[in-house]
Amino acid sequence: EGCGICSERGGDPGAMYYSLQKIRERVHPSVRV
């Protein structure tokens, strides 16, 4: 339904943006999450 919070120690919403793009690029759409 969403993604993890980025407001606690070490969190980084910019890094989260690129992590989700990495999942989009590397993982086949049929894979179950």
All heavy atoms as atom14 arrays in JSON, in Angstrom:
{
  "sequence": "EGCGICSERGGDPGAMYYSLQKIRERVHPSVRV",
  "atom14_mask": [
    [1, 1, 1, 1, 1, 1, 1, 1, 1, 0, 0, 0, 0, 0],
    [1, 1, 1, 1, 0, 0, 0, 0, 0, 0, 0, 0, 0, 0],
    [1, 1, 1, 1, 1, 1, 0, 0, 0, 0, 0, 0, 0, 0],
    [1, 1, 1, 1, 0, 0, 0, 0, 0, 0, 0, 0, 0, 0],
    [1, 1, 1, 1, 1, 1, 1, 1, 0, 0, 0, 0, 0, 0],
    [1, 1, 1, 1, 1, 1, 0, 0, 0, 0, 0, 0, 0, 0],
    [1, 1, 1, 1, 1, 1, 0, 0, 0, 0, 0, 0, 0, 0],
    [1, 1, 1, 1, 1, 1, 1, 1, 1, 0, 0, 0, 0, 0],
    [1, 1, 1, 1, 1, 1, 1, 1, 1, 1, 1, 0, 0, 0],
    [1, 1, 1, 1, 0, 0, 0, 0, 0, 0, 0, 0, 0, 0],
    [1, 1, 1, 1, 0, 0, 0, 0, 0, 0, 0, 0, 0, 0],
    [1, 1, 1, 1, 1, 1, 1, 1, 0, 0, 0, 0, 0, 0],
    [1, 1, 1, 1, 1, 1, 1, 0, 0, 0, 0, 0, 0, 0],
    [1, 1, 1, 1, 0, 0, 0, 0, 0, 0, 0, 0, 0, 0],
    [1, 1, 1, 1, 1, 0, 0, 0, 0, 0, 0, 0, 0, 0],
    [1, 1, 1, 1, 1, 1, 1, 1, 0, 0, 0, 0, 0, 0],
    [1, 1, 1, 1, 1, 1, 1, 1, 1, 1, 1, 1, 0, 0],
    [1, 1, 1, 1, 1, 1, 1, 1, 1, 1, 1, 1, 0, 0],
    [1, 1, 1, 1, 1, 1, 0, 0, 0, 0, 0, 0, 0, 0],
    [1, 1, 1, 1, 1, 1, 1, 1, 0, 0, 0, 0, 0, 0],
    [1, 1, 1, 1, 1, 1, 1, 1, 1, 0, 0, 0, 0, 0],
    [1, 1, 1, 1, 1, 1, 1, 1, 1, 0, 0, 0, 0, 0],
    [1, 1, 1, 1, 1, 1, 1, 1, 0, 0, 0, 0, 0, 0],
    [1, 1, 1, 1, 1, 1, 1, 1, 1, 1, 1, 0, 0, 0],
    [1, 1, 1, 1, 1, 1, 1, 1, 1, 0, 0, 0, 0, 0],
    [1, 1, 1, 1, 1, 1, 1, 1, 1, 1, 1, 0, 0, 0],
    [1, 1, 1, 1, 1, 1, 1, 0, 0, 0, 0, 0, 0, 0],
    [1, 1, 1, 1, 1, 1, 1, 1, 1, 1, 0, 0, 0, 0],
    [1, 1, 1, 1, 1, 1, 1, 0, 0, 0, 0, 0, 0, 0],
    [1, 1, 1, 1, 1, 1, 0, 0, 0, 0, 0, 0, 0, 0],
    [1, 1, 1, 1, 1, 1, 1, 0, 0, 0, 0, 0, 0, 0],
    [1, 1, 1, 1, 1, 1, 1, 1, 1, 1, 1, 0, 0, 0],
    [1, 1, 1, 1, 1, 1, 1, 0, 0, 0, 0, 0, 0, 0]
  ],
  "atom14_positions": [
    [[0.8, -1.21, 0.0], [0.0, 0.0, 0.0], [0.84, 1.28, 0.0], [0.28, 2.38, -0.06], [-0.9, 0.02, 1.24], [-1.7, -1.24, 1.46], [-0.95, -2.33, 2.25], [0.29, -2.18, 2.43], [-1.59, -3.3, 2.66], [0.0, 0.0, 0.0], [0.0, 0.0, 0.0], [0.0, 0.0, 0.0], [0.0, 0.0, 0.0], [0.0, 0.0, 0.0]],
    [[2.15, 1.19, 0.13], [2.96, 2.4, 0.22], [4.43, 2.07, 0.35], [4.92, 1.08, -0.19], [0.0, 0.0, 0.0], [0.0, 0.0, 0.0], [0.0, 0.0, 0.0], [0.0, 0.0, 0.0], [0.0, 0.0, 0.0], [0.0, 0.0, 0.0], [0.0, 0.0, 0.0], [0.0, 0.0, 0.0], [0.0, 0.0, 0.0], [0.0, 0.0, 0.0]],
    [[5.15, 2.89, 1.1], [6.57, 2.63, 1.36], [6.88, 3.06, 2.79], [6.09, 3.7, 3.46], [7.46, 3.36, 0.36], [7.51, 5.17, 0.53], [0.0, 0.0, 0.0], [0.0, 0.0, 0.0], [0.0, 0.0, 0.0], [0.0, 0.0, 0.0], [0.0, 0.0, 0.0], [0.0, 0.0, 0.0], [0.0, 0.0, 0.0], [0.0, 0.0, 0.0]],
    [[8.07, 2.68, 3.25], [8.44, 2.93, 4.63], [8.66, 4.4, 4.94], [8.99, 5.21, 4.06], [0.0, 0.0, 0.0], [0.0, 0.0, 0.0], [0.0, 0.0, 0.0], [0.0, 0.0, 0.0], [0.0, 0.0, 0.0], [0.0, 0.0, 0.0], [0.0, 0.0, 0.0], [0.0, 0.0, 0.0], [0.0, 0.0, 0.0], [0.0, 0.0, 0.0]],
    [[8.5, 4.75, 6.2], [8.75, 6.12, 6.62], [10.24, 6.44, 6.47], [11.1, 5.56, 6.52], [8.29, 6.36, 8.07], [9.05, 5.44, 9.05], [6.79, 6.19, 8.2], [8.8, 5.78, 10.5], [0.0, 0.0, 0.0], [0.0, 0.0, 0.0], [0.0, 0.0, 0.0], [0.0, 0.0, 0.0], [0.0, 0.0, 0.0], [0.0, 0.0, 0.0]],
    [[10.52, 7.71, 6.28], [11.9, 8.17, 6.08], [12.28, 9.26, 7.08], [13.22, 10.01, 6.85], [12.07, 8.69, 4.66], [11.66, 7.5, 3.38], [0.0, 0.0, 0.0], [0.0, 0.0, 0.0], [0.0, 0.0, 0.0], [0.0, 0.0, 0.0], [0.0, 0.0, 0.0], [0.0, 0.0, 0.0], [0.0, 0.0, 0.0], [0.0, 0.0, 0.0]],
    [[11.52, 9.36, 8.16], [11.68, 10.47, 9.1], [12.45, 10.1, 10.35], [12.75, 10.98, 11.17], [10.29, 11.0, 9.49], [9.48, 9.94, 9.98], [0.0, 0.0, 0.0], [0.0, 0.0, 0.0], [0.0, 0.0, 0.0], [0.0, 0.0, 0.0], [0.0, 0.0, 0.0], [0.0, 0.0, 0.0], [0.0, 0.0, 0.0], [0.0, 0.0, 0.0]],
    [[12.78, 8.83, 10.53], [13.55, 8.43, 11.7], [15.04, 8.48, 11.39], [15.45, 8.75, 10.24], [13.12, 7.03, 12.15], [11.68, 6.99, 12.63], [11.28, 5.64, 13.2], [12.02, 4.66, 13.01], [10.2, 5.58, 13.84], [0.0, 0.0, 0.0], [0.0, 0.0, 0.0], [0.0, 0.0, 0.0], [0.0, 0.0, 0.0], [0.0, 0.0, 0.0]],
    [[15.86, 8.24, 12.39], [17.33, 8.33, 12.24], [17.8, 7.52, 11.04], [17.49, 6.34, 10.91], [18.0, 7.83, 13.52], [19.51, 7.9, 13.45], [20.13, 7.43, 14.74], [21.58, 7.29, 14.6], [22.28, 6.24, 15.0], [21.67, 5.22, 15.58], [23.58, 6.22, 14.83], [0.0, 0.0, 0.0], [0.0, 0.0, 0.0], [0.0, 0.0, 0.0]],
    [[18.55, 8.16, 10.16], [19.08, 7.49, 8.98], [18.14, 7.46, 7.81], [18.52, 7.01, 6.72], [0.0, 0.0, 0.0], [0.0, 0.0, 0.0], [0.0, 0.0, 0.0], [0.0, 0.0, 0.0], [0.0, 0.0, 0.0], [0.0, 0.0, 0.0], [0.0, 0.0, 0.0], [0.0, 0.0, 0.0], [0.0, 0.0, 0.0], [0.0, 0.0, 0.0]],
    [[16.91, 7.92, 7.97], [15.96, 7.92, 6.88], [16.29, 8.98, 5.84], [16.85, 10.03, 6.15], [0.0, 0.0, 0.0], [0.0, 0.0, 0.0], [0.0, 0.0, 0.0], [0.0, 0.0, 0.0], [0.0, 0.0, 0.0], [0.0, 0.0, 0.0], [0.0, 0.0, 0.0], [0.0, 0.0, 0.0], [0.0, 0.0, 0.0], [0.0, 0.0, 0.0]],
    [[15.93, 8.71, 4.58], [16.28, 9.61, 3.49], [15.26, 9.42, 2.37], [15.31, 8.44, 1.64], [17.69, 9.3, 2.97], [18.16, 10.23, 1.87], [17.31, 10.86, 1.21], [19.38, 10.32, 1.66], [0.0, 0.0, 0.0], [0.0, 0.0, 0.0], [0.0, 0.0, 0.0], [0.0, 0.0, 0.0], [0.0, 0.0, 0.0], [0.0, 0.0, 0.0]],
    [[14.3, 10.36, 2.23], [13.26, 10.17, 1.22], [13.8, 10.2, -0.21], [13.24, 9.55, -1.1], [12.29, 11.33, 1.48], [13.12, 12.36, 2.18], [14.11, 11.6, 3.01], [0.0, 0.0, 0.0], [0.0, 0.0, 0.0], [0.0, 0.0, 0.0], [0.0, 0.0, 0.0], [0.0, 0.0, 0.0], [0.0, 0.0, 0.0], [0.0, 0.0, 0.0]],
    [[14.88, 10.95, -0.45], [15.48, 10.94, -1.77], [16.04, 9.57, -2.11], [15.87, 9.07, -3.23], [0.0, 0.0, 0.0], [0.0, 0.0, 0.0], [0.0, 0.0, 0.0], [0.0, 0.0, 0.0], [0.0, 0.0, 0.0], [0.0, 0.0, 0.0], [0.0, 0.0, 0.0], [0.0, 0.0, 0.0], [0.0, 0.0, 0.0], [0.0, 0.0, 0.0]],
    [[16.71, 8.95, -1.13], [17.22, 7.59, -1.34], [16.07, 6.62, -1.55], [16.18, 5.69, -2.36], [18.07, 7.17, -0.14], [0.0, 0.0, 0.0], [0.0, 0.0, 0.0], [0.0, 0.0, 0.0], [0.0, 0.0, 0.0], [0.0, 0.0, 0.0], [0.0, 0.0, 0.0], [0.0, 0.0, 0.0], [0.0, 0.0, 0.0], [0.0, 0.0, 0.0]],
    [[14.96, 6.81, -0.83], [13.8, 5.93, -1.01], [13.27, 6.02, -2.44], [12.92, 5.0, -3.05], [12.7, 6.29, -0.01], [11.43, 5.45, -0.15], [11.66, 3.71, 0.27], [11.51, 3.79, 2.08], [0.0, 0.0, 0.0], [0.0, 0.0, 0.0], [0.0, 0.0, 0.0], [0.0, 0.0, 0.0], [0.0, 0.0, 0.0], [0.0, 0.0, 0.0]],
    [[13.2, 7.23, -2.98], [12.74, 7.4, -4.36], [13.57, 6.54, -5.31], [13.02, 5.8, -6.15], [12.85, 8.87, -4.75], [12.57, 9.13, -6.21], [11.27, 9.19, -6.7], [13.63, 9.31, -7.1], [11.02, 9.42, -8.04], [13.39, 9.54, -8.45], [12.09, 9.6, -8.91], [11.84, 9.81, -10.25], [0.0, 0.0, 0.0], [0.0, 0.0, 0.0]],
    [[14.9, 6.6, -5.18], [15.76, 5.84, -6.08], [15.72, 4.35, -5.79], [15.88, 3.53, -6.71], [17.18, 6.39, -6.03], [17.28, 7.71, -6.76], [17.38, 8.91, -6.06], [17.23, 7.76, -8.15], [17.43, 10.12, -6.72], [17.28, 8.98, -8.82], [17.39, 10.14, -8.11], [17.43, 11.35, -8.79], [0.0, 0.0, 0.0], [0.0, 0.0, 0.0]],
    [[15.48, 3.97, -4.55], [15.35, 2.54, -4.23], [14.12, 1.95, -4.91], [14.16, 0.84, -5.43], [15.27, 2.34, -2.72], [16.53, 2.61, -2.12], [0.0, 0.0, 0.0], [0.0, 0.0, 0.0], [0.0, 0.0, 0.0], [0.0, 0.0, 0.0], [0.0, 0.0, 0.0], [0.0, 0.0, 0.0], [0.0, 0.0, 0.0], [0.0, 0.0, 0.0]],
    [[13.01, 2.69, -4.9], [11.82, 2.18, -5.58], [12.03, 2.11, -7.09], [11.55, 1.18, -7.75], [10.61, 3.04, -5.24], [10.17, 3.06, -3.77], [8.84, 3.81, -3.63], [10.06, 1.67, -3.19], [0.0, 0.0, 0.0], [0.0, 0.0, 0.0], [0.0, 0.0, 0.0], [0.0, 0.0, 0.0], [0.0, 0.0, 0.0], [0.0, 0.0, 0.0]],
    [[12.76, 3.08, -7.64], [13.08, 2.99, -9.06], [13.97, 1.78, -9.36], [13.83, 1.13, -10.41], [13.77, 4.28, -9.53], [12.94, 5.55, -9.36], [11.52, 5.41, -9.89], [11.3, 5.01, -11.04], [10.54, 5.73, -9.05], [0.0, 0.0, 0.0], [0.0, 0.0, 0.0], [0.0, 0.0, 0.0], [0.0, 0.0, 0.0], [0.0, 0.0, 0.0]],
    [[14.88, 1.47, -8.46], [15.74, 0.3, -8.63], [14.9, -0.98, -8.64], [15.12, -1.87, -9.48], [16.78, 0.23, -7.5], [17.72, -0.96, -7.61], [18.6, -1.1, -6.37], [19.69, -0.08, -6.35], [20.68, -0.37, -5.26], [0.0, 0.0, 0.0], [0.0, 0.0, 0.0], [0.0, 0.0, 0.0], [0.0, 0.0, 0.0], [0.0, 0.0, 0.0]],
    [[13.94, -1.09, -7.73], [13.06, -2.25, -7.71], [12.29, -2.33, -9.03], [12.16, -3.41, -9.63], [12.11, -2.19, -6.51], [12.9, -2.38, -5.21], [11.01, -3.26, -6.62], [12.09, -2.14, -3.94], [0.0, 0.0, 0.0], [0.0, 0.0, 0.0], [0.0, 0.0, 0.0], [0.0, 0.0, 0.0], [0.0, 0.0, 0.0], [0.0, 0.0, 0.0]],
    [[11.76, -1.22, -9.5], [11.04, -1.18, -10.76], [11.91, -1.71, -11.9], [11.44, -2.47, -12.76], [10.6, 0.25, -11.07], [9.85, 0.39, -12.4], [9.84, 1.84, -12.86], [9.12, 2.71, -11.96], [7.81, 2.93, -11.99], [7.07, 2.33, -12.9], [7.25, 3.76, -11.15], [0.0, 0.0, 0.0], [0.0, 0.0, 0.0], [0.0, 0.0, 0.0]],
    [[13.18, -1.33, -11.92], [14.07, -1.68, -13.02], [14.59, -3.11, -12.94], [14.79, -3.76, -13.97], [15.25, -0.7, -13.05], [14.86, 0.72, -13.42], [15.96, 1.72, -13.13], [17.07, 1.29, -12.71], [15.73, 2.94, -13.33], [0.0, 0.0, 0.0], [0.0, 0.0, 0.0], [0.0, 0.0, 0.0], [0.0, 0.0, 0.0], [0.0, 0.0, 0.0]],
    [[14.8, -3.61, -11.72], [15.5, -4.89, -11.58], [14.58, -6.09, -11.38], [14.98, -7.23, -11.62], [16.45, -4.83, -10.37], [17.67, -3.96, -10.56], [18.66, -4.29, -9.46], [19.78, -3.36, -9.44], [20.75, -3.41, -8.54], [20.74, -4.34, -7.59], [21.74, -2.53, -8.57], [0.0, 0.0, 0.0], [0.0, 0.0, 0.0], [0.0, 0.0, 0.0]],
    [[13.37, -5.86, -10.92], [12.5, -6.97, -10.52], [11.41, -7.17, -11.57], [10.75, -6.21, -12.0], [11.88, -6.69, -9.13], [10.97, -7.84, -8.71], [12.99, -6.49, -8.09], [0.0, 0.0, 0.0], [0.0, 0.0, 0.0], [0.0, 0.0, 0.0], [0.0, 0.0, 0.0], [0.0, 0.0, 0.0], [0.0, 0.0, 0.0], [0.0, 0.0, 0.0]],
    [[11.19, -8.42, -11.94], [10.17, -8.72, -12.95], [8.78, -8.43, -12.38], [8.51, -8.7, -11.21], [10.27, -10.19, -13.36], [9.48, -10.51, -14.6], [8.13, -10.79, -14.57], [9.86, -10.58, -15.9], [7.7, -11.01, -15.79], [8.72, -10.9, -16.63], [0.0, 0.0, 0.0], [0.0, 0.0, 0.0], [0.0, 0.0, 0.0], [0.0, 0.0, 0.0]],
    [[7.89, -7.88, -13.19], [6.56, -7.53, -12.68], [5.76, -8.7, -12.1], [4.86, -8.48, -11.28], [5.85, -6.95, -13.92], [6.95, -6.46, -14.79], [8.08, -7.41, -14.57], [0.0, 0.0, 0.0], [0.0, 0.0, 0.0], [0.0, 0.0, 0.0], [0.0, 0.0, 0.0], [0.0, 0.0, 0.0], [0.0, 0.0, 0.0], [0.0, 0.0, 0.0]],
    [[6.08, -9.93, -12.5], [5.32, -11.08, -11.99], [5.77, -11.53, -10.61], [5.1, -12.34, -9.96], [5.44, -12.26, -12.96], [6.79, -12.74, -13.01], [0.0, 0.0, 0.0], [0.0, 0.0, 0.0], [0.0, 0.0, 0.0], [0.0, 0.0, 0.0], [0.0, 0.0, 0.0], [0.0, 0.0, 0.0], [0.0, 0.0, 0.0], [0.0, 0.0, 0.0]],
    [[6.9, -11.01, -10.13], [7.42, -11.4, -8.81], [6.46, -10.92, -7.73], [5.89, -9.82, -7.8], [8.84, -10.82, -8.62], [9.26, -10.87, -7.16], [9.84, -11.57, -9.49], [0.0, 0.0, 0.0], [0.0, 0.0, 0.0], [0.0, 0.0, 0.0], [0.0, 0.0, 0.0], [0.0, 0.0, 0.0], [0.0, 0.0, 0.0], [0.0, 0.0, 0.0]],
    [[6.31, -11.74, -6.7], [5.4, -11.41, -5.6], [6.17, -10.73, -4.47], [7.27, -11.16, -4.11], [4.67, -12.66, -5.11], [3.74, -13.21, -6.19], [2.81, -14.29, -5.68], [1.9, -14.7, -6.74], [0.75, -14.11, -7.03], [0.35, -13.06, -6.3], [-0.01, -14.53, -8.02], [0.0, 0.0, 0.0], [0.0, 0.0, 0.0], [0.0, 0.0, 0.0]],
    [[5.58, -9.69, -3.92], [6.23, -8.83, -2.93], [5.77, -9.23, -1.53], [4.57, -9.26, -1.24], [5.9, -7.35, -3.22], [6.52, -6.45, -2.15], [6.39, -6.96, -4.62], [0.0, 0.0, 0.0], [0.0, 0.0, 0.0], [0.0, 0.0, 0.0], [0.0, 0.0, 0.0], [0.0, 0.0, 0.0], [0.0, 0.0, 0.0], [0.0, 0.0, 0.0]]
  ]
}
